[in-house]
Amino acid sequence: YRRGNDPAMQEYHAIVKQIEAGYPMHPQEVQDVIDA
């Protein structure tokens, strides 16, 4: 439950869905999530 509510994990799941759908991503956007 804690991991599911973690903002970094929520960002991770959202960006993975976008990547899997083929949306173009800015490198800094991806790096920000990696850092978080």
ModelCIF file with pLDDT and N, C-alpha, C, O atoms, coordinates in Angstrom:
data_MODEL
#
_entry.id   MODEL 
#
_entity.id                         1 
_entity.type                       polymer 
_entity.pdbx_number_of_molecules   1 
#
_entity_poly.entity_id                      1 
_entity_poly.type                           'polypeptide(L)' 
_entity_poly.nstd_linkage                   no 
_entity_poly.nstd_monomer                   no 
_entity_poly.pdbx_seq_one_letter_code       YRRGNDPAMQEYHAIVKQIEAGYPMHPQEVQDVIDA 
_entity_poly.pdbx_seq_one_letter_code_can   YRRGNDPAMQEYHAIVKQIEAGYPMHPQEVQDVIDA 
_entity_poly.pdbx_strand_id                 A 
#
loop_
_entity_poly_seq.entity_id 
_entity_poly_seq.num 
_entity_poly_seq.mon_id 
_entity_poly_seq.hetero 
1 1  TYR n 
1 2  ARG n 
1 3  ARG n 
1 4  GLY n 
1 5  ASN n 
1 6  ASP n 
1 7  PRO n 
1 8  ALA n 
1 9  MET n 
1 10 GLN n 
1 11 GLU n 
1 12 TYR n 
1 13 HIS n 
1 14 ALA n 
1 15 ILE n 
1 16 VAL n 
1 17 LYS n 
1 18 GLN n 
1 19 ILE n 
1 20 GLU n 
1 21 ALA n 
1 22 GLY n 
1 23 TYR n 
1 24 PRO n 
1 25 MET n 
1 26 HIS n 
1 27 PRO n 
1 28 GLN n 
1 29 GLU n 
1 30 VAL n 
1 31 GLN n 
1 32 ASP n 
1 33 VAL n 
1 34 ILE n 
1 35 ASP n 
1 36 ALA n 
#
_struct_asym.id          A 
_struct_asym.entity_id   1 
#
loop_
_ma_qa_metric.id 
_ma_qa_metric.mode 
_ma_qa_metric.name 
_ma_qa_metric.software_group_id 
_ma_qa_metric.type 
1 global pLDDT . pLDDT 
2 local  pLDDT . pLDDT 
#
_ma_qa_metric_global.metric_id      1 
_ma_qa_metric_global.metric_value   90.47 
_ma_qa_metric_global.model_id       1 
_ma_qa_metric_global.ordinal_id     1 
#
loop_
_ma_qa_metric_local.label_asym_id 
_ma_qa_metric_local.label_comp_id 
_ma_qa_metric_local.label_seq_id 
_ma_qa_metric_local.metric_id 
_ma_qa_metric_local.metric_value 
_ma_qa_metric_local.model_id 
_ma_qa_metric_local.ordinal_id 
A TYR 1  2 55.00 1 1  
A ARG 2  2 60.00 1 2  
A ARG 3  2 59.00 1 3  
A GLY 4  2 65.00 1 4  
A ASN 5  2 80.00 1 5  
A ASP 6  2 88.00 1 6  
A PRO 7  2 92.00 1 7  
A ALA 8  2 93.00 1 8  
A MET 9  2 93.00 1 9  
A GLN 10 2 93.00 1 10 
A GLU 11 2 95.00 1 11 
A TYR 12 2 94.00 1 12 
A HIS 13 2 93.00 1 13 
A ALA 14 2 95.00 1 14 
A ILE 15 2 96.00 1 15 
A VAL 16 2 96.00 1 16 
A LYS 17 2 96.00 1 17 
A GLN 18 2 96.00 1 18 
A ILE 19 2 95.00 1 19 
A GLU 20 2 95.00 1 20 
A ALA 21 2 95.00 1 21 
A GLY 22 2 94.00 1 22 
A TYR 23 2 94.00 1 23 
A PRO 24 2 94.00 1 24 
A MET 25 2 93.00 1 25 
A HIS 26 2 94.00 1 26 
A PRO 27 2 94.00 1 27 
A GLN 28 2 95.00 1 28 
A GLU 29 2 95.00 1 29 
A VAL 30 2 97.00 1 30 
A GLN 31 2 97.00 1 31 
A ASP 32 2 97.00 1 32 
A VAL 33 2 97.00 1 33 
A ILE 34 2 97.00 1 34 
A ASP 35 2 98.00 1 35 
A ALA 36 2 97.00 1 36 
#
loop_
_atom_site.group_PDB 
_atom_site.id 
_atom_site.type_symbol 
_atom_site.label_atom_id 
_atom_site.label_alt_id 
_atom_site.label_comp_id 
_atom_site.label_asym_id 
_atom_site.label_entity_id 
_atom_site.label_seq_id 
_atom_site.pdbx_PDB_ins_code 
_atom_site.Cartn_x 
_atom_site.Cartn_y 
_atom_site.Cartn_z 
_atom_site.occupancy 
_atom_site.B_iso_or_equiv 
_atom_site.pdbx_formal_charge 
_atom_site.auth_seq_id 
_atom_site.auth_comp_id 
_atom_site.auth_asym_id 
_atom_site.auth_atom_id 
_atom_site.pdbx_PDB_model_num 
ATOM 1   N N  . TYR A 1 1  ? 0.835  -1.206 0.000   1.00 55.00 ? 1  TYR A N  1 
ATOM 2   C CA . TYR A 1 1  ? 0.000  0.000  0.000   1.00 55.00 ? 1  TYR A CA 1 
ATOM 3   C C  . TYR A 1 1  ? 0.868  1.254  0.000   1.00 55.00 ? 1  TYR A C  1 
ATOM 4   O O  . TYR A 1 1  ? 0.591  2.201  -0.735  1.00 55.00 ? 1  TYR A O  1 
ATOM 5   N N  . ARG A 1 2  ? 1.926  1.263  0.827   1.00 60.00 ? 2  ARG A N  1 
ATOM 6   C CA . ARG A 1 2  ? 2.798  2.428  0.920   1.00 60.00 ? 2  ARG A CA 1 
ATOM 7   C C  . ARG A 1 2  ? 3.472  2.705  -0.421  1.00 60.00 ? 2  ARG A C  1 
ATOM 8   O O  . ARG A 1 2  ? 3.545  3.854  -0.858  1.00 60.00 ? 2  ARG A O  1 
ATOM 9   N N  . ARG A 1 3  ? 3.960  1.664  -1.067  1.00 59.00 ? 3  ARG A N  1 
ATOM 10  C CA . ARG A 1 3  ? 4.631  1.844  -2.361  1.00 59.00 ? 3  ARG A CA 1 
ATOM 11  C C  . ARG A 1 3  ? 3.658  2.339  -3.420  1.00 59.00 ? 3  ARG A C  1 
ATOM 12  O O  . ARG A 1 3  ? 4.030  3.134  -4.284  1.00 59.00 ? 3  ARG A O  1 
ATOM 13  N N  . GLY A 1 4  ? 2.421  1.876  -3.358  1.00 65.00 ? 4  GLY A N  1 
ATOM 14  C CA . GLY A 1 4  ? 1.415  2.313  -4.323  1.00 65.00 ? 4  GLY A CA 1 
ATOM 15  C C  . GLY A 1 4  ? 1.049  3.770  -4.171  1.00 65.00 ? 4  GLY A C  1 
ATOM 16  O O  . GLY A 1 4  ? 0.624  4.405  -5.136  1.00 65.00 ? 4  GLY A O  1 
ATOM 17  N N  . ASN A 1 5  ? 1.206  4.313  -2.978  1.00 80.00 ? 5  ASN A N  1 
ATOM 18  C CA . ASN A 1 5  ? 0.885  5.709  -2.726  1.00 80.00 ? 5  ASN A CA 1 
ATOM 19  C C  . ASN A 1 5  ? 2.104  6.612  -2.771  1.00 80.00 ? 5  ASN A C  1 
ATOM 20  O O  . ASN A 1 5  ? 1.978  7.818  -2.560  1.00 80.00 ? 5  ASN A O  1 
ATOM 21  N N  . ASP A 1 6  ? 3.259  6.071  -3.036  1.00 88.00 ? 6  ASP A N  1 
ATOM 22  C CA . ASP A 1 6  ? 4.492  6.845  -3.120  1.00 88.00 ? 6  ASP A CA 1 
ATOM 23  C C  . ASP A 1 6  ? 4.449  7.690  -4.393  1.00 88.00 ? 6  ASP A C  1 
ATOM 24  O O  . ASP A 1 6  ? 4.263  7.142  -5.480  1.00 88.00 ? 6  ASP A O  1 
ATOM 25  N N  . PRO A 1 7  ? 4.617  9.011  -4.286  1.00 92.00 ? 7  PRO A N  1 
ATOM 26  C CA . PRO A 1 7  ? 4.555  9.864  -5.481  1.00 92.00 ? 7  PRO A CA 1 
ATOM 27  C C  . PRO A 1 7  ? 5.562  9.464  -6.570  1.00 92.00 ? 7  PRO A C  1 
ATOM 28  O O  . PRO A 1 7  ? 5.248  9.539  -7.758  1.00 92.00 ? 7  PRO A O  1 
ATOM 29  N N  . ALA A 1 8  ? 6.749  9.047  -6.176  1.00 93.00 ? 8  ALA A N  1 
ATOM 30  C CA . ALA A 1 8  ? 7.747  8.638  -7.171  1.00 93.00 ? 8  ALA A CA 1 
ATOM 31  C C  . ALA A 1 8  ? 7.267  7.407  -7.934  1.00 93.00 ? 8  ALA A C  1 
ATOM 32  O O  . ALA A 1 8  ? 7.455  7.317  -9.147  1.00 93.00 ? 8  ALA A O  1 
ATOM 33  N N  . MET A 1 9  ? 6.653  6.465  -7.238  1.00 93.00 ? 9  MET A N  1 
ATOM 34  C CA . MET A 1 9  ? 6.142  5.269  -7.902  1.00 93.00 ? 9  MET A CA 1 
ATOM 35  C C  . MET A 1 9  ? 4.946  5.605  -8.790  1.00 93.00 ? 9  MET A C  1 
ATOM 36  O O  . MET A 1 9  ? 4.778  5.006  -9.852  1.00 93.00 ? 9  MET A O  1 
ATOM 37  N N  . GLN A 1 10 ? 4.121  6.548  -8.368  1.00 93.00 ? 10 GLN A N  1 
ATOM 38  C CA . GLN A 1 10 ? 3.000  6.970  -9.202  1.00 93.00 ? 10 GLN A CA 1 
ATOM 39  C C  . GLN A 1 10 ? 3.513  7.615  -10.493 1.00 93.00 ? 10 GLN A C  1 
ATOM 40  O O  . GLN A 1 10 ? 2.973  7.368  -11.571 1.00 93.00 ? 10 GLN A O  1 
ATOM 41  N N  . GLU A 1 11 ? 4.550  8.434  -10.381 1.00 95.00 ? 11 GLU A N  1 
ATOM 42  C CA . GLU A 1 11 ? 5.170  9.033  -11.565 1.00 95.00 ? 11 GLU A CA 1 
ATOM 43  C C  . GLU A 1 11 ? 5.754  7.951  -12.462 1.00 95.00 ? 11 GLU A C  1 
ATOM 44  O O  . GLU A 1 11 ? 5.618  8.004  -13.685 1.00 95.00 ? 11 GLU A O  1 
ATOM 45  N N  . TYR A 1 12 ? 6.406  6.968  -11.844 1.00 94.00 ? 12 TYR A N  1 
ATOM 46  C CA . TYR A 1 12 ? 7.005  5.865  -12.596 1.00 94.00 ? 12 TYR A CA 1 
ATOM 47  C C  . TYR A 1 12 ? 5.943  5.137  -13.417 1.00 94.00 ? 12 TYR A C  1 
ATOM 48  O O  . TYR A 1 12 ? 6.125  4.916  -14.615 1.00 94.00 ? 12 TYR A O  1 
ATOM 49  N N  . HIS A 1 13 ? 4.846  4.770  -12.783 1.00 93.00 ? 13 HIS A N  1 
ATOM 50  C CA . HIS A 1 13 ? 3.799  4.037  -13.494 1.00 93.00 ? 13 HIS A CA 1 
ATOM 51  C C  . HIS A 1 13 ? 3.200  4.877  -14.624 1.00 93.00 ? 13 HIS A C  1 
ATOM 52  O O  . HIS A 1 13 ? 2.905  4.357  -15.699 1.00 93.00 ? 13 HIS A O  1 
ATOM 53  N N  . ALA A 1 14 ? 3.024  6.169  -14.377 1.00 95.00 ? 14 ALA A N  1 
ATOM 54  C CA . ALA A 1 14 ? 2.458  7.048  -15.402 1.00 95.00 ? 14 ALA A CA 1 
ATOM 55  C C  . ALA A 1 14 ? 3.399  7.185  -16.604 1.00 95.00 ? 14 ALA A C  1 
ATOM 56  O O  . ALA A 1 14 ? 2.956  7.117  -17.750 1.00 95.00 ? 14 ALA A O  1 
ATOM 57  N N  . ILE A 1 15 ? 4.677  7.374  -16.347 1.00 96.00 ? 15 ILE A N  1 
ATOM 58  C CA . ILE A 1 15 ? 5.620  7.566  -17.454 1.00 96.00 ? 15 ILE A CA 1 
ATOM 59  C C  . ILE A 1 15 ? 5.845  6.267  -18.221 1.00 96.00 ? 15 ILE A C  1 
ATOM 60  O O  . ILE A 1 15 ? 6.039  6.295  -19.437 1.00 96.00 ? 15 ILE A O  1 
ATOM 61  N N  . VAL A 1 16 ? 5.823  5.132  -17.528 1.00 96.00 ? 16 VAL A N  1 
ATOM 62  C CA . VAL A 1 16 ? 5.972  3.844  -18.218 1.00 96.00 ? 16 VAL A CA 1 
ATOM 63  C C  . VAL A 1 16 ? 4.791  3.630  -19.171 1.00 96.00 ? 16 VAL A C  1 
ATOM 64  O O  . VAL A 1 16 ? 4.983  3.149  -20.288 1.00 96.00 ? 16 VAL A O  1 
ATOM 65  N N  . LYS A 1 17 ? 3.582  3.979  -18.747 1.00 96.00 ? 17 LYS A N  1 
ATOM 66  C CA . LYS A 1 17 ? 2.414  3.850  -19.629 1.00 96.00 ? 17 LYS A CA 1 
ATOM 67  C C  . LYS A 1 17 ? 2.580  4.720  -20.871 1.00 96.00 ? 17 LYS A C  1 
ATOM 68  O O  . LYS A 1 17 ? 2.252  4.296  -21.980 1.00 96.00 ? 17 LYS A O  1 
ATOM 69  N N  . GLN A 1 18 ? 3.092  5.939  -20.684 1.00 96.00 ? 18 GLN A N  1 
ATOM 70  C CA . GLN A 1 18 ? 3.297  6.836  -21.821 1.00 96.00 ? 18 GLN A CA 1 
ATOM 71  C C  . GLN A 1 18 ? 4.365  6.291  -22.761 1.00 96.00 ? 18 GLN A C  1 
ATOM 72  O O  . GLN A 1 18 ? 4.206  6.341  -23.981 1.00 96.00 ? 18 GLN A O  1 
ATOM 73  N N  . ILE A 1 19 ? 5.451  5.771  -22.196 1.00 95.00 ? 19 ILE A N  1 
ATOM 74  C CA . ILE A 1 19 ? 6.527  5.211  -23.016 1.00 95.00 ? 19 ILE A CA 1 
ATOM 75  C C  . ILE A 1 19 ? 6.018  4.004  -23.787 1.00 95.00 ? 19 ILE A C  1 
ATOM 76  O O  . ILE A 1 19 ? 6.283  3.876  -24.982 1.00 95.00 ? 19 ILE A O  1 
ATOM 77  N N  . GLU A 1 20 ? 5.292  3.122  -23.119 1.00 95.00 ? 20 GLU A N  1 
ATOM 78  C CA . GLU A 1 20 ? 4.766  1.931  -23.777 1.00 95.00 ? 20 GLU A CA 1 
ATOM 79  C C  . GLU A 1 20 ? 3.774  2.280  -24.876 1.00 95.00 ? 20 GLU A C  1 
ATOM 80  O O  . GLU A 1 20 ? 3.631  1.531  -25.843 1.00 95.00 ? 20 GLU A O  1 
ATOM 81  N N  . ALA A 1 21 ? 3.085  3.418  -24.736 1.00 95.00 ? 21 ALA A N  1 
ATOM 82  C CA . ALA A 1 21 ? 2.140  3.859  -25.762 1.00 95.00 ? 21 ALA A CA 1 
ATOM 83  C C  . ALA A 1 21 ? 2.844  4.557  -26.922 1.00 95.00 ? 21 ALA A C  1 
ATOM 84  O O  . ALA A 1 21 ? 2.216  4.863  -27.935 1.00 95.00 ? 21 ALA A O  1 
ATOM 85  N N  . GLY A 1 22 ? 4.151  4.812  -26.778 1.00 94.00 ? 22 GLY A N  1 
ATOM 86  C CA . GLY A 1 22 ? 4.926  5.405  -27.854 1.00 94.00 ? 22 GLY A CA 1 
ATOM 87  C C  . GLY A 1 22 ? 4.978  6.920  -27.869 1.00 94.00 ? 22 GLY A C  1 
ATOM 88  O O  . GLY A 1 22 ? 5.440  7.511  -28.845 1.00 94.00 ? 22 GLY A O  1 
ATOM 89  N N  . TYR A 1 23 ? 4.510  7.567  -26.799 1.00 94.00 ? 23 TYR A N  1 
ATOM 90  C CA . TYR A 1 23 ? 4.560  9.022  -26.756 1.00 94.00 ? 23 TYR A CA 1 
ATOM 91  C C  . TYR A 1 23 ? 6.001  9.512  -26.694 1.00 94.00 ? 23 TYR A C  1 
ATOM 92  O O  . TYR A 1 23 ? 6.824  8.916  -25.999 1.00 94.00 ? 23 TYR A O  1 
ATOM 93  N N  . PRO A 1 24 ? 6.319  10.593 -27.411 1.00 94.00 ? 24 PRO A N  1 
ATOM 94  C CA . PRO A 1 24 ? 7.673  11.152 -27.335 1.00 94.00 ? 24 PRO A CA 1 
ATOM 95  C C  . PRO A 1 24 ? 7.933  11.726 -25.943 1.00 94.00 ? 24 PRO A C  1 
ATOM 96  O O  . PRO A 1 24 ? 7.065  12.375 -25.359 1.00 94.00 ? 24 PRO A O  1 
ATOM 97  N N  . MET A 1 25 ? 9.114  11.486 -25.428 1.00 93.00 ? 25 MET A N  1 
ATOM 98  C CA . MET A 1 25 ? 9.470  11.938 -24.086 1.00 93.00 ? 25 MET A CA 1 
ATOM 99  C C  . MET A 1 25 ? 10.691 12.842 -24.167 1.00 93.00 ? 25 MET A C  1 
ATOM 100 O O  . MET A 1 25 ? 11.597 12.605 -24.965 1.00 93.00 ? 25 MET A O  1 
ATOM 101 N N  . HIS A 1 26 ? 10.709 13.865 -23.346 1.00 94.00 ? 26 HIS A N  1 
ATOM 102 C CA . HIS A 1 26 ? 11.889 14.723 -23.243 1.00 94.00 ? 26 HIS A CA 1 
ATOM 103 C C  . HIS A 1 26 ? 12.865 14.053 -22.279 1.00 94.00 ? 26 HIS A C  1 
ATOM 104 O O  . HIS A 1 26 ? 12.442 13.566 -21.231 1.00 94.00 ? 26 HIS A O  1 
ATOM 105 N N  . PRO A 1 27 ? 14.151 14.015 -22.602 1.00 94.00 ? 27 PRO A N  1 
ATOM 106 C CA . PRO A 1 27 ? 15.124 13.341 -21.729 1.00 94.00 ? 27 PRO A CA 1 
ATOM 107 C C  . PRO A 1 27 ? 15.111 13.842 -20.281 1.00 94.00 ? 27 PRO A C  1 
ATOM 108 O O  . PRO A 1 27 ? 15.276 13.046 -19.356 1.00 94.00 ? 27 PRO A O  1 
ATOM 109 N N  . GLN A 1 28 ? 14.919 15.135 -20.074 1.00 95.00 ? 28 GLN A N  1 
ATOM 110 C CA . GLN A 1 28 ? 14.916 15.670 -18.707 1.00 95.00 ? 28 GLN A CA 1 
ATOM 111 C C  . GLN A 1 28 ? 13.717 15.166 -17.910 1.00 95.00 ? 28 GLN A C  1 
ATOM 112 O O  . GLN A 1 28 ? 13.816 14.952 -16.702 1.00 95.00 ? 28 GLN A O  1 
ATOM 113 N N  . GLU A 1 29 ? 12.583 14.978 -18.587 1.00 95.00 ? 29 GLU A N  1 
ATOM 114 C CA . GLU A 1 29 ? 11.394 14.456 -17.923 1.00 95.00 ? 29 GLU A CA 1 
ATOM 115 C C  . GLU A 1 29 ? 11.659 13.048 -17.373 1.00 95.00 ? 29 GLU A C  1 
ATOM 116 O O  . GLU A 1 29 ? 11.290 12.725 -16.244 1.00 95.00 ? 29 GLU A O  1 
ATOM 117 N N  . VAL A 1 30 ? 12.299 12.231 -18.193 1.00 97.00 ? 30 VAL A N  1 
ATOM 118 C CA . VAL A 1 30 ? 12.634 10.865 -17.781 1.00 97.00 ? 30 VAL A CA 1 
ATOM 119 C C  . VAL A 1 30 ? 13.671 10.903 -16.650 1.00 97.00 ? 30 VAL A C  1 
ATOM 120 O O  . VAL A 1 30 ? 13.552 10.167 -15.671 1.00 97.00 ? 30 VAL A O  1 
ATOM 121 N N  . GLN A 1 31 ? 14.679 11.755 -16.789 1.00 97.00 ? 31 GLN A N  1 
ATOM 122 C CA . GLN A 1 31 ? 15.719 11.854 -15.759 1.00 97.00 ? 31 GLN A CA 1 
ATOM 123 C C  . GLN A 1 31 ? 15.148 12.309 -14.424 1.00 97.00 ? 31 GLN A C  1 
ATOM 124 O O  . GLN A 1 31 ? 15.582 11.838 -13.372 1.00 97.00 ? 31 GLN A O  1 
ATOM 125 N N  . ASP A 1 32 ? 14.181 13.218 -14.455 1.00 97.00 ? 32 ASP A N  1 
ATOM 126 C CA . ASP A 1 32 ? 13.558 13.679 -13.210 1.00 97.00 ? 32 ASP A CA 1 
ATOM 127 C C  . ASP A 1 32 ? 12.878 12.536 -12.466 1.00 97.00 ? 32 ASP A C  1 
ATOM 128 O O  . ASP A 1 32 ? 12.960 12.449 -11.240 1.00 97.00 ? 32 ASP A O  1 
ATOM 129 N N  . VAL A 1 33 ? 12.204 11.658 -13.212 1.00 97.00 ? 33 VAL A N  1 
ATOM 130 C CA . VAL A 1 33 ? 11.546 10.512 -12.581 1.00 97.00 ? 33 VAL A CA 1 
ATOM 131 C C  . VAL A 1 33 ? 12.590 9.533  -12.055 1.00 97.00 ? 33 VAL A C  1 
ATOM 132 O O  . VAL A 1 33 ? 12.433 8.991  -10.961 1.00 97.00 ? 33 VAL A O  1 
ATOM 133 N N  . ILE A 1 34 ? 13.647 9.303  -12.816 1.00 97.00 ? 34 ILE A N  1 
ATOM 134 C CA . ILE A 1 34 ? 14.725 8.417  -12.361 1.00 97.00 ? 34 ILE A CA 1 
ATOM 135 C C  . ILE A 1 34 ? 15.329 8.954  -11.068 1.00 97.00 ? 34 ILE A C  1 
ATOM 136 O O  . ILE A 1 34 ? 15.555 8.195  -10.125 1.00 97.00 ? 34 ILE A O  1 
ATOM 137 N N  . ASP A 1 35 ? 15.590 10.254 -11.021 1.00 98.00 ? 35 ASP A N  1 
ATOM 138 C CA . ASP A 1 35 ? 16.146 10.866 -9.807  1.00 98.00 ? 35 ASP A CA 1 
ATOM 139 C C  . ASP A 1 35 ? 15.200 10.709 -8.619  1.00 98.00 ? 35 ASP A C  1 
ATOM 140 O O  . ASP A 1 35 ? 15.637 10.380 -7.517  1.00 98.00 ? 35 ASP A O  1 
ATOM 141 N N  . ALA A 1 36 ? 13.904 10.944 -8.841  1.00 97.00 ? 36 ALA A N  1 
ATOM 142 C CA . ALA A 1 36 ? 12.921 10.820 -7.762  1.00 97.00 ? 36 ALA A CA 1 
ATOM 143 C C  . ALA A 1 36 ? 12.855 9.377  -7.249  1.00 97.00 ? 36 ALA A C  1 
ATOM 144 O O  . ALA A 1 36 ? 12.082 9.080  -6.338  1.00 97.00 ? 36 ALA A O  1 
#
